[in-house]
PDB file of N, CA and C in Angstrom:
ATOM      1  N   UNK A   1       2.597 -14.149 -49.101  1.00  0.00           N
ATOM      2  CA  UNK A   1       3.869 -14.399 -49.729  1.00  0.00           C
ATOM      3  C   UNK A   1       3.673 -14.666 -51.225  1.00  0.00           C
ATOM      4  N   UNK A   2       2.664 -15.421 -51.545  1.00  0.00           N
ATOM      5  CA  UNK A   2       2.388 -15.732 -52.944  1.00  0.00           C
ATOM      6  C   UNK A   2       1.979 -14.477 -53.704  1.00  0.00           C
ATOM      7  N   UNK A   3       1.217 -13.612 -53.036  1.00  0.00           N
ATOM      8  CA  UNK A   3       0.797 -12.360 -53.668  1.00  0.00           C
ATOM      9  C   UNK A   3       1.978 -11.455 -53.971  1.00  0.00           C
ATOM     10  N   UNK A   4       2.922 -11.371 -53.043  1.00  0.00           N
ATOM     11  CA  UNK A   4       4.119 -10.569 -53.278  1.00  0.00           C
ATOM     12  C   UNK A   4       4.958 -11.107 -54.423  1.00  0.00           C
ATOM     13  N   UNK A   5       5.063 -12.428 -54.493  1.00  0.00           N
ATOM     14  CA  UNK A   5       5.814 -13.048 -55.585  1.00  0.00           C
ATOM     15  C   UNK A   5       5.166 -12.721 -56.930  1.00  0.00           C
ATOM     16  N   UNK A   6       3.849 -12.871 -57.009  1.00  0.00           N
ATOM     17  CA  UNK A   6       3.148 -12.592 -58.260  1.00  0.00           C
ATOM     18  C   UNK A   6       3.257 -11.120 -58.638  1.00  0.00           C
ATOM     19  N   UNK A   7       3.206 -10.248 -57.648  1.00  0.00           N
ATOM     20  CA  UNK A   7       3.344  -8.814 -57.922  1.00  0.00           C
ATOM     21  C   UNK A   7       4.696  -8.519 -58.552  1.00  0.00           C
ATOM     22  N   UNK A   8       5.749  -9.106 -58.024  1.00  0.00           N
ATOM     23  CA  UNK A   8       7.084  -8.865 -58.582  1.00  0.00           C
ATOM     24  C   UNK A   8       7.267  -9.521 -59.938  1.00  0.00           C
ATOM     25  N   UNK A   9       6.728 -10.709 -60.115  1.00  0.00           N
ATOM     26  CA  UNK A   9       6.881 -11.399 -61.397  1.00  0.00           C
ATOM     27  C   UNK A   9       6.123 -10.673 -62.499  1.00  0.00           C
ATOM     28  N   UNK A  10       4.938 -10.155 -62.185  1.00  0.00           N
ATOM     29  CA  UNK A  10       4.107  -9.496 -63.188  1.00  0.00           C
ATOM     30  C   UNK A  10       4.379  -8.001 -63.309  1.00  0.00           C
ATOM     31  N   UNK A  11       5.340  -7.475 -62.549  1.00  0.00           N
ATOM     32  CA  UNK A  11       5.653  -6.055 -62.576  1.00  0.00           C
ATOM     33  C   UNK A  11       6.459  -5.735 -63.833  1.00  0.00           C
ATOM     34  N   UNK A  12       5.933  -4.907 -64.732  1.00  0.00           N
ATOM     35  CA  UNK A  12       6.670  -4.630 -65.969  1.00  0.00           C
ATOM     36  C   UNK A  12       7.948  -3.827 -65.736  1.00  0.00           C
ATOM     37  N   UNK A  13       8.026  -3.060 -64.639  1.00  0.00           N
ATOM     38  CA  UNK A  13       9.234  -2.278 -64.377  1.00  0.00           C
ATOM     39  C   UNK A  13      10.444  -3.177 -64.171  1.00  0.00           C
ATOM     40  N   UNK A  14      10.248  -4.311 -63.534  1.00  0.00           N
ATOM     41  CA  UNK A  14      11.356  -5.234 -63.311  1.00  0.00           C
ATOM     42  C   UNK A  14      11.854  -5.790 -64.641  1.00  0.00           C
ATOM     43  N   UNK A  15      10.936  -6.181 -65.493  1.00  0.00           N
ATOM     44  CA  UNK A  15      11.322  -6.719 -66.801  1.00  0.00           C
ATOM     45  C   UNK A  15      12.024  -5.658 -67.636  1.00  0.00           C
ATOM     46  N   UNK A  16      11.516  -4.437 -67.627  1.00  0.00           N
ATOM     47  CA  UNK A  16      12.139  -3.353 -68.394  1.00  0.00           C
ATOM     48  C   UNK A  16      13.539  -3.075 -67.875  1.00  0.00           C
ATOM     49  N   UNK A  17      13.703  -3.091 -66.548  1.00  0.00           N
ATOM     50  CA  UNK A  17      15.024  -2.874 -65.964  1.00  0.00           C
ATOM     51  C   UNK A  17      16.005  -3.927 -66.468  1.00  0.00           C
ATOM     52  N   UNK A  18      15.617  -5.191 -66.378  1.00  0.00           N
ATOM     53  CA  UNK A  18      16.530  -6.256 -66.797  1.00  0.00           C
ATOM     54  C   UNK A  18      16.796  -6.205 -68.295  1.00  0.00           C
ATOM     55  N   UNK A  19      15.794  -5.902 -69.087  1.00  0.00           N
ATOM     56  CA  UNK A  19      16.000  -5.849 -70.536  1.00  0.00           C
ATOM     57  C   UNK A  19      16.844  -4.654 -70.962  1.00  0.00           C
ATOM     58  N   UNK A  20      16.832  -3.577 -70.181  1.00  0.00           N
ATOM     59  CA  UNK A  20      17.608  -2.398 -70.537  1.00  0.00           C
ATOM     60  C   UNK A  20      19.001  -2.390 -69.910  1.00  0.00           C
ATOM     61  N   UNK A  21      19.133  -2.934 -68.715  1.00  0.00           N
ATOM     62  CA  UNK A  21      20.377  -2.805 -67.960  1.00  0.00           C
ATOM     63  C   UNK A  21      21.335  -3.972 -68.161  1.00  0.00           C
ATOM     64  N   UNK A  22      20.842  -5.175 -68.064  1.00  0.00           N
ATOM     65  CA  UNK A  22      21.700  -6.364 -68.076  1.00  0.00           C
ATOM     66  C   UNK A  22      22.416  -6.569 -69.420  1.00  0.00           C
ATOM     67  N   UNK A  23      21.786  -6.344 -70.588  1.00  0.00           N
ATOM     68  CA  UNK A  23      22.501  -6.596 -71.851  1.00  0.00           C
ATOM     69  C   UNK A  23      23.771  -5.759 -72.036  1.00  0.00           C
ATOM     70  N   UNK A  24      23.910  -4.667 -71.295  1.00  0.00           N
ATOM     71  CA  UNK A  24      25.117  -3.858 -71.412  1.00  0.00           C
ATOM     72  C   UNK A  24      26.360  -4.615 -70.956  1.00  0.00           C
ATOM     73  N   UNK A  25      26.163  -5.637 -70.150  1.00  0.00           N
ATOM     74  CA  UNK A  25      27.274  -6.397 -69.594  1.00  0.00           C
ATOM     75  C   UNK A  25      27.489  -7.736 -70.303  1.00  0.00           C
ATOM     76  N   UNK A  26      26.824  -7.935 -71.419  1.00  0.00           N
ATOM     77  CA  UNK A  26      26.949  -9.195 -72.159  1.00  0.00           C
ATOM     78  C   UNK A  26      27.743  -8.938 -73.429  1.00  0.00           C
ATOM     79  N   UNK A  27      28.779  -9.692 -73.613  1.00  0.00           N
ATOM     80  CA  UNK A  27      29.615  -9.591 -74.808  1.00  0.00           C
ATOM     81  C   UNK A  27      28.893 -10.276 -75.967  1.00  0.00           C
ATOM     82  N   UNK A  28      28.617  -9.539 -77.047  1.00  0.00           N
ATOM     83  CA  UNK A  28      27.925 -10.167 -78.181  1.00  0.00           C
ATOM     84  C   UNK A  28      28.702 -11.320 -78.800  1.00  0.00           C
ATOM     85  N   UNK A  29      30.009 -11.333 -78.596  1.00  0.00           N
ATOM     86  CA  UNK A  29      30.816 -12.417 -79.164  1.00  0.00           C
ATOM     87  C   UNK A  29      30.754 -13.685 -78.319  1.00  0.00           C
ATOM     88  N   UNK A  30      30.100 -13.609 -77.160  1.00  0.00           N
ATOM     89  CA  UNK A  30      29.973 -14.787 -76.299  1.00  0.00           C
ATOM     90  C   UNK A  30      29.147 -15.854 -77.025  1.00  0.00           C
ATOM     91  N   UNK A  31      29.434 -17.084 -76.714  1.00  0.00           N
ATOM     92  CA  UNK A  31      28.751 -18.180 -77.401  1.00  0.00           C
ATOM     93  C   UNK A  31      27.258 -18.192 -77.177  1.00  0.00           C
ATOM     94  N   UNK A  32      26.836 -18.157 -75.953  1.00  0.00           N
ATOM     95  CA  UNK A  32      25.415 -18.250 -75.637  1.00  0.00           C
ATOM     96  C   UNK A  32      24.996 -17.013 -74.833  1.00  0.00           C
ATOM     97  N   UNK A  33      24.526 -15.989 -75.522  1.00  0.00           N
ATOM     98  CA  UNK A  33      24.141 -14.754 -74.836  1.00  0.00           C
ATOM     99  C   UNK A  33      22.923 -14.969 -73.935  1.00  0.00           C
ATOM    100  N   UNK A  34      22.023 -15.848 -74.313  1.00  0.00           N
ATOM    101  CA  UNK A  34      20.844 -16.113 -73.485  1.00  0.00           C
ATOM    102  C   UNK A  34      21.257 -16.729 -72.149  1.00  0.00           C
ATOM    103  N   UNK A  35      22.215 -17.638 -72.180  1.00  0.00           N
ATOM    104  CA  UNK A  35      22.695 -18.254 -70.952  1.00  0.00           C
ATOM    105  C   UNK A  35      23.369 -17.218 -70.056  1.00  0.00           C
ATOM    106  N   UNK A  36      24.180 -16.345 -70.651  1.00  0.00           N
ATOM    107  CA  UNK A  36      24.841 -15.290 -69.876  1.00  0.00           C
ATOM    108  C   UNK A  36      23.801 -14.363 -69.260  1.00  0.00           C
ATOM    109  N   UNK A  37      22.757 -14.026 -70.026  1.00  0.00           N
ATOM    110  CA  UNK A  37      21.676 -13.173 -69.528  1.00  0.00           C
ATOM    111  C   UNK A  37      21.005 -13.807 -68.310  1.00  0.00           C
ATOM    112  N   UNK A  38      20.689 -15.082 -68.401  1.00  0.00           N
ATOM    113  CA  UNK A  38      20.054 -15.799 -67.287  1.00  0.00           C
ATOM    114  C   UNK A  38      20.990 -15.862 -66.088  1.00  0.00           C
ATOM    115  N   UNK A  39      22.262 -16.140 -66.313  1.00  0.00           N
ATOM    116  CA  UNK A  39      23.222 -16.219 -65.208  1.00  0.00           C
ATOM    117  C   UNK A  39      23.403 -14.867 -64.514  1.00  0.00           C
ATOM    118  N   UNK A  40      23.434 -13.780 -65.283  1.00  0.00           N
ATOM    119  CA  UNK A  40      23.526 -12.456 -64.665  1.00  0.00           C
ATOM    120  C   UNK A  40      22.266 -12.135 -63.855  1.00  0.00           C
ATOM    121  N   UNK A  41      21.114 -12.547 -64.352  1.00  0.00           N
ATOM    122  CA  UNK A  41      19.875 -12.357 -63.598  1.00  0.00           C
ATOM    123  C   UNK A  41      19.878 -13.139 -62.299  1.00  0.00           C
ATOM    124  N   UNK A  42      20.354 -14.369 -62.337  1.00  0.00           N
ATOM    125  CA  UNK A  42      20.451 -15.178 -61.120  1.00  0.00           C
ATOM    126  C   UNK A  42      21.447 -14.564 -60.150  1.00  0.00           C
ATOM    127  N   UNK A  43      22.576 -14.089 -60.660  1.00  0.00           N
ATOM    128  CA  UNK A  43      23.581 -13.444 -59.808  1.00  0.00           C
ATOM    129  C   UNK A  43      23.008 -12.206 -59.127  1.00  0.00           C
ATOM    130  N   UNK A  44      22.251 -11.413 -59.875  1.00  0.00           N
ATOM    131  CA  UNK A  44      21.614 -10.227 -59.294  1.00  0.00           C
ATOM    132  C   UNK A  44      20.655 -10.624 -58.169  1.00  0.00           C
ATOM    133  N   UNK A  45      19.838 -11.637 -58.407  1.00  0.00           N
ATOM    134  CA  UNK A  45      18.870 -12.058 -57.396  1.00  0.00           C
ATOM    135  C   UNK A  45      19.544 -12.633 -56.156  1.00  0.00           C
ATOM    136  N   UNK A  46      20.575 -13.431 -56.348  1.00  0.00           N
ATOM    137  CA  UNK A  46      21.279 -14.026 -55.210  1.00  0.00           C
ATOM    138  C   UNK A  46      21.983 -12.946 -54.395  1.00  0.00           C
ATOM    139  N   UNK A  47      22.598 -11.967 -55.079  1.00  0.00           N
ATOM    140  CA  UNK A  47      23.319 -10.924 -54.349  1.00  0.00           C
ATOM    141  C   UNK A  47      22.377  -9.946 -53.659  1.00  0.00           C
ATOM    142  N   UNK A  48      21.160  -9.778 -54.155  1.00  0.00           N
ATOM    143  CA  UNK A  48      20.220  -8.855 -53.514  1.00  0.00           C
ATOM    144  C   UNK A  48      19.371  -9.531 -52.436  1.00  0.00           C
ATOM    145  N   UNK A  49      19.437 -10.838 -52.346  1.00  0.00           N
ATOM    146  CA  UNK A  49      18.638 -11.560 -51.355  1.00  0.00           C
ATOM    147  C   UNK A  49      18.934 -11.133 -49.915  1.00  0.00           C
ATOM    148  N   UNK A  50      20.202 -11.001 -49.490  1.00  0.00           N
ATOM    149  CA  UNK A  50      20.446 -10.555 -48.109  1.00  0.00           C
ATOM    150  C   UNK A  50      19.879  -9.159 -47.821  1.00  0.00           C
ATOM    151  N   UNK A  51      19.942  -8.258 -48.781  1.00  0.00           N
ATOM    152  CA  UNK A  51      19.392  -6.909 -48.598  1.00  0.00           C
ATOM    153  C   UNK A  51      17.876  -6.987 -48.424  1.00  0.00           C
ATOM    154  N   UNK A  52      17.217  -7.760 -49.281  1.00  0.00           N
ATOM    155  CA  UNK A  52      15.764  -7.886 -49.184  1.00  0.00           C
ATOM    156  C   UNK A  52      15.339  -8.548 -47.872  1.00  0.00           C
ATOM    157  N   UNK A  53      16.092  -9.532 -47.428  1.00  0.00           N
ATOM    158  CA  UNK A  53      15.787 -10.170 -46.144  1.00  0.00           C
ATOM    159  C   UNK A  53      15.950  -9.157 -45.011  1.00  0.00           C
ATOM    160  N   UNK A  54      16.978  -8.330 -45.101  1.00  0.00           N
ATOM    161  CA  UNK A  54      17.183  -7.287 -44.092  1.00  0.00           C
ATOM    162  C   UNK A  54      16.030  -6.300 -44.040  1.00  0.00           C
ATOM    163  N   UNK A  55      15.555  -5.859 -45.206  1.00  0.00           N
ATOM    164  CA  UNK A  55      14.409  -4.946 -45.231  1.00  0.00           C
ATOM    165  C   UNK A  55      13.150  -5.619 -44.661  1.00  0.00           C
ATOM    166  N   UNK A  56      12.943  -6.879 -44.997  1.00  0.00           N
ATOM    167  CA  UNK A  56      11.779  -7.596 -44.479  1.00  0.00           C
ATOM    168  C   UNK A  56      11.870  -7.748 -42.969  1.00  0.00           C
ATOM    169  N   UNK A  57      13.067  -8.047 -42.443  1.00  0.00           N
ATOM    170  CA  UNK A  57      13.239  -8.177 -40.996  1.00  0.00           C
ATOM    171  C   UNK A  57      13.020  -6.839 -40.300  1.00  0.00           C
ATOM    172  N   UNK A  58      13.509  -5.748 -40.905  1.00  0.00           N
ATOM    173  CA  UNK A  58      13.293  -4.416 -40.318  1.00  0.00           C
ATOM    174  C   UNK A  58      11.813  -4.053 -40.311  1.00  0.00           C
ATOM    175  N   UNK A  59      11.103  -4.370 -41.384  1.00  0.00           N
ATOM    176  CA  UNK A  59       9.669  -4.076 -41.445  1.00  0.00           C
ATOM    177  C   UNK A  59       8.900  -4.895 -40.422  1.00  0.00           C
ATOM    178  N   UNK A  60       9.270  -6.163 -40.254  1.00  0.00           N
ATOM    179  CA  UNK A  60       8.600  -7.005 -39.257  1.00  0.00           C
ATOM    180  C   UNK A  60       8.879  -6.486 -37.844  1.00  0.00           C
ATOM    181  N   UNK A  61      10.105  -6.043 -37.612  1.00  0.00           N
ATOM    182  CA  UNK A  61      10.453  -5.503 -36.291  1.00  0.00           C
ATOM    183  C   UNK A  61       9.653  -4.239 -36.008  1.00  0.00           C
ATOM    184  N   UNK A  62       9.548  -3.349 -37.015  1.00  0.00           N
ATOM    185  CA  UNK A  62       8.782  -2.115 -36.825  1.00  0.00           C
ATOM    186  C   UNK A  62       7.300  -2.408 -36.623  1.00  0.00           C
ATOM    187  N   UNK A  63       6.771  -3.365 -37.360  1.00  0.00           N
ATOM    188  CA  UNK A  63       5.360  -3.713 -37.211  1.00  0.00           C
ATOM    189  C   UNK A  63       5.096  -4.294 -35.832  1.00  0.00           C
ATOM    190  N   UNK A  64       6.042  -5.057 -35.318  1.00  0.00           N
ATOM    191  CA  UNK A  64       5.880  -5.628 -33.987  1.00  0.00           C
ATOM    192  C   UNK A  64       5.920  -4.587 -32.888  1.00  0.00           C
ATOM    193  N   UNK A  65       6.632  -3.504 -33.114  1.00  0.00           N
ATOM    194  CA  UNK A  65       6.736  -2.445 -32.111  1.00  0.00           C
ATOM    195  C   UNK A  65       5.586  -1.449 -32.208  1.00  0.00           C
ATOM    196  N   UNK A  66       4.831  -1.493 -33.275  1.00  0.00           N
ATOM    197  CA  UNK A  66       3.714  -0.564 -33.431  1.00  0.00           C
ATOM    198  C   UNK A  66       4.134   0.810 -33.913  1.00  0.00           C
ATOM    199  N   UNK A  67       5.335   0.936 -34.416  1.00  0.00           N
ATOM    200  CA  UNK A  67       5.823   2.240 -34.855  1.00  0.00           C
ATOM    201  C   UNK A  67       5.423   2.563 -36.289  1.00  0.00           C
ATOM    202  N   UNK A  68       4.864   1.601 -36.984  1.00  0.00           N
ATOM    203  CA  UNK A  68       4.519   1.820 -38.386  1.00  0.00           C
ATOM    204  C   UNK A  68       3.436   2.880 -38.515  1.00  0.00           C
ATOM    205  N   UNK A  69       2.425   2.815 -37.697  1.00  0.00           N
ATOM    206  CA  UNK A  69       1.315   3.779 -37.789  1.00  0.00           C
ATOM    207  C   UNK A  69       1.811   5.200 -37.547  1.00  0.00           C
ATOM    208  N   UNK A  70       2.669   5.386 -36.535  1.00  0.00           N
ATOM    209  CA  UNK A  70       3.207   6.729 -36.263  1.00  0.00           C
ATOM    210  C   UNK A  70       4.107   7.190 -37.402  1.00  0.00           C
ATOM    211  N   UNK A  71       4.935   6.280 -37.908  1.00  0.00           N
ATOM    212  CA  UNK A  71       5.836   6.650 -39.002  1.00  0.00           C
ATOM    213  C   UNK A  71       5.044   7.016 -40.250  1.00  0.00           C
ATOM    214  N   UNK A  72       4.000   6.265 -40.549  1.00  0.00           N
ATOM    215  CA  UNK A  72       3.188   6.558 -41.730  1.00  0.00           C
ATOM    216  C   UNK A  72       2.482   7.901 -41.595  1.00  0.00           C
ATOM    217  N   UNK A  73       2.076   8.240 -40.383  1.00  0.00           N
ATOM    218  CA  UNK A  73       1.433   9.542 -40.135  1.00  0.00           C
ATOM    219  C   UNK A  73       2.386  10.663 -40.537  1.00  0.00           C
ATOM    220  N   UNK A  74       3.634  10.584 -40.114  1.00  0.00           N
ATOM    221  CA  UNK A  74       4.604  11.635 -40.425  1.00  0.00           C
ATOM    222  C   UNK A  74       5.056  11.578 -41.882  1.00  0.00           C
ATOM    223  N   UNK A  75       5.116  10.399 -42.455  1.00  0.00           N
ATOM    224  CA  UNK A  75       5.456  10.299 -43.872  1.00  0.00           C
ATOM    225  C   UNK A  75       4.359  10.894 -44.745  1.00  0.00           C
ATOM    226  N   UNK A  76       3.102  10.681 -44.367  1.00  0.00           N
ATOM    227  CA  UNK A  76       1.993  11.296 -45.101  1.00  0.00           C
ATOM    228  C   UNK A  76       2.067  12.813 -45.033  1.00  0.00           C
ATOM    229  N   UNK A  77       2.393  13.348 -43.857  1.00  0.00           N
ATOM    230  CA  UNK A  77       2.530  14.801 -43.706  1.00  0.00           C
ATOM    231  C   UNK A  77       3.683  15.335 -44.542  1.00  0.00           C
ATOM    232  N   UNK A  78       4.811  14.620 -44.529  1.00  0.00           N
ATOM    233  CA  UNK A  78       5.971  15.061 -45.308  1.00  0.00           C
ATOM    234  C   UNK A  78       5.660  15.029 -46.804  1.00  0.00           C
ATOM    235  N   UNK A  79       4.980  13.977 -47.262  1.00  0.00           N
ATOM    236  CA  UNK A  79       4.622  13.887 -48.682  1.00  0.00           C
ATOM    237  C   UNK A  79       3.658  15.016 -49.054  1.00  0.00           C
ATOM    238  N   UNK A  80       2.701  15.313 -48.186  1.00  0.00           N
ATOM    239  CA  UNK A  80       1.778  16.414 -48.447  1.00  0.00           C
ATOM    240  C   UNK A  80       2.500  17.743 -48.537  1.00  0.00           C
ATOM    241  N   UNK A  81       3.447  17.978 -47.633  1.00  0.00           N
ATOM    242  CA  UNK A  81       4.219  19.220 -47.664  1.00  0.00           C
ATOM    243  C   UNK A  81       5.049  19.316 -48.939  1.00  0.00           C
ATOM    244  N   UNK A  82       5.602  18.198 -49.378  1.00  0.00           N
ATOM    245  CA  UNK A  82       6.370  18.212 -50.622  1.00  0.00           C
ATOM    246  C   UNK A  82       5.489  18.544 -51.817  1.00  0.00           C
ATOM    247  N   UNK A  83       4.290  17.974 -51.871  1.00  0.00           N
ATOM    248  CA  UNK A  83       3.392  18.266 -52.994  1.00  0.00           C
ATOM    249  C   UNK A  83       2.951  19.724 -52.974  1.00  0.00           C
ATOM    250  N   UNK A  84       2.705  20.272 -51.801  1.00  0.00           N
ATOM    251  CA  UNK A  84       2.364  21.694 -51.715  1.00  0.00           C
ATOM    252  C   UNK A  84       3.535  22.542 -52.198  1.00  0.00           C
ATOM    253  N   UNK A  85       4.754  22.169 -51.782  1.00  0.00           N
ATOM    254  CA  UNK A  85       5.933  22.894 -52.233  1.00  0.00           C
ATOM    255  C   UNK A  85       6.118  22.816 -53.739  1.00  0.00           C
ATOM    256  N   UNK A  86       5.933  21.618 -54.319  1.00  0.00           N
ATOM    257  CA  UNK A  86       6.044  21.478 -55.770  1.00  0.00           C
ATOM    258  C   UNK A  86       4.983  22.305 -56.488  1.00  0.00           C
ATOM    259  N   UNK A  87       3.774  22.320 -55.938  1.00  0.00           N
ATOM    260  CA  UNK A  87       2.699  23.112 -56.541  1.00  0.00           C
ATOM    261  C   UNK A  87       3.005  24.599 -56.503  1.00  0.00           C
ATOM    262  N   UNK A  88       3.524  25.083 -55.371  1.00  0.00           N
ATOM    263  CA  UNK A  88       3.883  26.497 -55.268  1.00  0.00           C
ATOM    264  C   UNK A  88       5.029  26.840 -56.228  1.00  0.00           C
ATOM    265  N   UNK A  89       6.010  25.971 -56.312  1.00  0.00           N
ATOM    266  CA  UNK A  89       7.123  26.228 -57.239  1.00  0.00           C
ATOM    267  C   UNK A  89       6.614  26.290 -58.672  1.00  0.00           C
ATOM    268  N   UNK A  90       5.733  25.374 -59.024  1.00  0.00           N
ATOM    269  CA  UNK A  90       5.170  25.366 -60.366  1.00  0.00           C
ATOM    270  C   UNK A  90       4.327  26.605 -60.621  1.00  0.00           C
ATOM    271  N   UNK A  91       3.562  27.037 -59.620  1.00  0.00           N
ATOM    272  CA  UNK A  91       2.690  28.197 -59.768  1.00  0.00           C
ATOM    273  C   UNK A  91       3.486  29.486 -59.952  1.00  0.00           C
ATOM    274  N   UNK A  92       4.630  29.587 -59.301  1.00  0.00           N
ATOM    275  CA  UNK A  92       5.398  30.836 -59.352  1.00  0.00           C
ATOM    276  C   UNK A  92       6.585  30.785 -60.301  1.00  0.00           C
ATOM    277  N   UNK A  93       6.701  29.735 -61.100  1.00  0.00           N
ATOM    278  CA  UNK A  93       7.765  29.639 -62.089  1.00  0.00           C
ATOM    279  C   UNK A  93       7.318  30.283 -63.386  1.00  0.00           C
ATOM    280  N   UNK A  94       8.175  31.137 -63.926  1.00  0.00           N
ATOM    281  CA  UNK A  94       7.843  31.794 -65.193  1.00  0.00           C
ATOM    282  C   UNK A  94       7.973  30.807 -66.339  1.00  0.00           C
ATOM    283  N   UNK A  95       7.199  31.052 -67.370  1.00  0.00           N
ATOM    284  CA  UNK A  95       7.269  30.246 -68.575  1.00  0.00           C
ATOM    285  C   UNK A  95       8.537  30.612 -69.323  1.00  0.00           C
ATOM    286  N   UNK A  96       9.353  29.665 -69.703  1.00  0.00           N
ATOM    287  CA  UNK A  96      10.577  30.030 -70.425  1.00  0.00           C
ATOM    288  C   UNK A  96      10.243  30.623 -71.795  1.00  0.00           C
ATOM    289  N   UNK A  97      10.940  31.687 -72.149  1.00  0.00           N
ATOM    290  CA  UNK A  97      10.677  32.314 -73.454  1.00  0.00           C
ATOM    291  C   UNK A  97      11.343  31.511 -74.542  1.00  0.00           C
ATOM    292  N   UNK A  98      10.705  31.494 -75.682  1.00  0.00           N
ATOM    293  CA  UNK A  98      11.204  30.681 -76.796  1.00  0.00           C
ATOM    294  C   UNK A  98      11.998  31.509 -77.738  1.00  0.00           C
TER     295      UNK A  98
END
């Protein structure tokens, strides 16, 4: 649990998302923009908590049933097929003329 928390806290994508997305909803004329920024971040986290708990419960249920290994086998095959398809598309795509 501690490792997951540290991974999310130290993940630069999360910080970039908040720095790029949240300021769009802050009125520059507001008295304390930093406070509004923090409150919007807290609101986002509180509203996403039920979704994250649901995903964690679904993952625990799947792990308990032993279906994760079978699902990962098919997901690996699907990802491999997609990469082969992307490679073929790239190989047979003409270079655009300038």
